[in-house]
C-alpha atoms as a PDB file:
ATOM      1  CA  ASP A   1      72.291  72.879 -11.094  1.00  0.00           C
ATOM      2  CA  GLY A   2      72.158  73.822  -7.424  1.00  0.00           C
ATOM      3  CA  ARG A   3      74.459  73.934  -4.427  1.00  0.00           C
ATOM      4  CA  ILE A   4      75.777  70.519  -3.270  1.00  0.00           C
ATOM      5  CA  THR A   5      74.311  69.604   0.108  1.00  0.00           C
ATOM      6  CA  SER A   6      75.591  66.039   0.513  1.00  0.00           C
ATOM      7  CA  ALA A   7      78.113  63.554  -0.828  1.00  0.00           C
ATOM      8  CA  VAL A   8      77.774  59.811  -0.178  1.00  0.00           C
ATOM      9  CA  LEU A   9      80.209  56.988  -0.949  1.00  0.00           C
ATOM     10  CA  VAL A  10      78.502  54.292  -3.053  1.00  0.00           C
ATOM     11  CA  ILE A  11      79.995  50.827  -3.534  1.00  0.00           C
ATOM     12  CA  ASP A  12      78.196  48.183  -5.586  1.00  0.00           C
ATOM     13  CA  SER A  13      75.047  50.361  -5.668  1.00  0.00           C
ATOM     14  CA  ALA A  14      74.886  50.567  -1.848  1.00  0.00           C
ATOM     15  CA  SER A  15      75.448  53.702   0.230  1.00  0.00           C
ATOM     16  CA  ARG A  16      78.498  53.199   2.436  1.00  0.00           C
ATOM     17  CA  GLY A  17      78.609  56.482   4.333  1.00  0.00           C
ATOM     18  CA  ALA A  18      78.689  60.237   4.122  1.00  0.00           C
ATOM     19  CA  LEU A  19      81.706  62.035   2.713  1.00  0.00           C
ATOM     20  CA  ARG A  20      82.887  65.476   3.771  1.00  0.00           C
ATOM     21  CA  TYR A  21      82.110  67.968   0.997  1.00  0.00           C
ATOM     22  CA  GLY A  22      83.623  71.402   0.503  1.00  0.00           C
ATOM     23  CA  THR A  23      87.378  70.861   0.615  1.00  0.00           C
ATOM     24  CA  ALA A  24      89.456  73.158  -1.566  1.00  0.00           C
ATOM     25  CA  ARG A  25      90.346  71.909  -5.068  1.00  0.00           C
ATOM     26  CA  ALA A  26      92.013  74.906  -6.692  1.00  0.00           C
ATOM     27  CA  GLU A  27      93.685  72.714  -9.343  1.00  0.00           C
ATOM     28  CA  ALA A  28      90.308  71.388 -10.507  1.00  0.00           C
ATOM     29  CA  CYS A  29      88.765  74.859 -10.499  1.00  0.00           C
ATOM     30  CA  ALA A  30      91.508  76.192 -12.758  1.00  0.00           C
ATOM     31  CA  SER A  31      89.726  74.640 -15.744  1.00  0.00           C
ATOM     32  CA  LEU A  32      86.156  75.268 -14.567  1.00  0.00           C
ATOM     33  CA  LYS A  33      84.482  78.495 -15.625  1.00  0.00           C
ATOM     34  CA  ASP A  34      81.536  80.021 -13.762  1.00  0.00           C
ATOM     35  CA  VAL A  35      81.517  77.500 -10.896  1.00  0.00           C
ATOM     36  CA  THR A  36      80.572  79.682  -7.958  1.00  0.00           C
ATOM     37  CA  ALA A  37      81.467  77.025  -5.355  1.00  0.00           C
ATOM     38  CA  CYS A  38      85.137  77.023  -6.444  1.00  0.00           C
ATOM     39  CA  PRO A  39      87.568  76.311  -4.956  1.00  0.00           C
ATOM     40  CA  ASN A  40      85.583  74.386  -2.313  1.00  0.00           C
ATOM     41  CA  ILE A  41      84.262  71.595  -4.561  1.00  0.00           C
ATOM     42  CA  GLY A  42      86.237  68.618  -3.236  1.00  0.00           C
ATOM     43  CA  PHE A  43      85.102  65.722  -1.083  1.00  0.00           C
ATOM     44  CA  ASP A  44      86.934  63.215   1.060  1.00  0.00           C
ATOM     45  CA  GLY A  45      86.394  60.382   3.455  1.00  0.00           C
ATOM     46  CA  THR A  46      87.668  57.003   4.531  1.00  0.00           C
ATOM     47  CA  PHE A  47      86.416  53.466   4.034  1.00  0.00           C
ATOM     48  CA  ASP A  48      87.837  50.202   5.330  1.00  0.00           C
ATOM     49  CA  THR A  49      88.111  47.901   2.297  1.00  0.00           C
ATOM     50  CA  LYS A  50      88.247  44.908   4.655  1.00  0.00           C
ATOM     51  CA  LEU A  51      84.468  45.319   4.894  1.00  0.00           C
ATOM     52  CA  LEU A  52      84.291  44.119   1.268  1.00  0.00           C
ATOM     53  CA  PRO A  53      85.067  40.686  -0.101  1.00  0.00           C
ATOM     54  CA  ASN A  54      88.145  40.535  -2.328  1.00  0.00           C
ATOM     55  CA  GLY A  55      87.356  40.977  -5.996  1.00  0.00           C
ATOM     56  CA  ALA A  56      85.814  43.481  -8.383  1.00  0.00           C
ATOM     57  CA  HIS A  57      83.559  46.262  -7.133  1.00  0.00           C
ATOM     58  CA  ARG A  58      82.085  49.519  -8.459  1.00  0.00           C
ATOM     59  CA  LEU A  59      82.805  52.749  -6.632  1.00  0.00           C
ATOM     60  CA  GLY A  60      81.055  56.078  -7.051  1.00  0.00           C
ATOM     61  CA  VAL A  61      79.978  59.196  -5.205  1.00  0.00           C
ATOM     62  CA  SER A  62      76.370  60.298  -5.060  1.00  0.00           C
ATOM     63  CA  LEU A  63      75.999  64.083  -4.938  1.00  0.00           C
ATOM     64  CA  THR A  64      72.719  65.757  -3.979  1.00  0.00           C
ATOM     65  CA  ASP A  65      71.992  69.442  -4.447  1.00  0.00           C
ATOM     66  CA  ASN A  66      69.715  71.835  -2.579  1.00  0.00           C
ATOM     67  CA  GLY A  67      66.960  71.171  -5.134  1.00  0.00           C
ATOM     68  CA  GLY A  68      66.956  67.429  -4.377  1.00  0.00           C
ATOM     69  CA  LYS A  69      68.636  66.491  -7.664  1.00  0.00           C
ATOM     70  CA  THR A  70      71.075  63.572  -7.320  1.00  0.00           C
ATOM     71  CA  VAL A  71      73.858  62.449  -9.639  1.00  0.00           C
ATOM     72  CA  LEU A  72      76.314  59.550  -9.344  1.00  0.00           C
ATOM     73  CA  ILE A  73      79.878  60.329 -10.360  1.00  0.00           C
ATOM     74  CA  PRO A  74      81.983  59.369 -12.166  1.00  0.00           C
ATOM     75  CA  GLY A  75      79.541  59.571 -15.027  1.00  0.00           C
ATOM     76  CA  ILE A  76      81.945  57.931 -17.479  1.00  0.00           C
ATOM     77  CA  THR A  77      80.615  54.477 -16.602  1.00  0.00           C
ATOM     78  CA  ALA A  78      77.210  53.402 -15.348  1.00  0.00           C
ATOM     79  CA  GLY A  79      77.195  52.919 -11.593  1.00  0.00           C
ATOM     80  CA  GLY A  80      80.679  54.243 -10.851  1.00  0.00           C
ATOM     81  CA  MET A  81      84.210  53.136 -11.656  1.00  0.00           C
ATOM     82  CA  ASN A  82      85.680  49.676 -11.405  1.00  0.00           C
ATOM     83  CA  ILE A  83      87.967  48.908  -8.472  1.00  0.00           C
ATOM     84  CA  LEU A  84      89.665  45.710  -7.344  1.00  0.00           C
ATOM     85  CA  VAL A  85      89.892  44.855  -3.655  1.00  0.00           C
ATOM     86  CA  ASP A  86      92.768  42.555  -2.692  1.00  0.00           C
ATOM     87  CA  ASN A  87      93.073  42.492   1.083  1.00  0.00           C
ATOM     88  CA  PRO A  88      95.518  40.088   2.727  1.00  0.00           C
END
């Protein structure tokens, strides 16, 4: 409901580092009505998958707003989306 103040990468329910929030996402904003932060609603960052054991993991992004409300996205599945790490 508020203005996003932080974005954090979450893997297997553990915080793995801050993400940069506020990158332009004009293509996403094209379908969003009344989102005052548009087009600067994107986030990005890097993570070395070699820090994880090979196999299945859950990835998400925790967003916190200026009111202290936090939500984990994607909201389609509980705890993030499924990913498979297969490092050599």
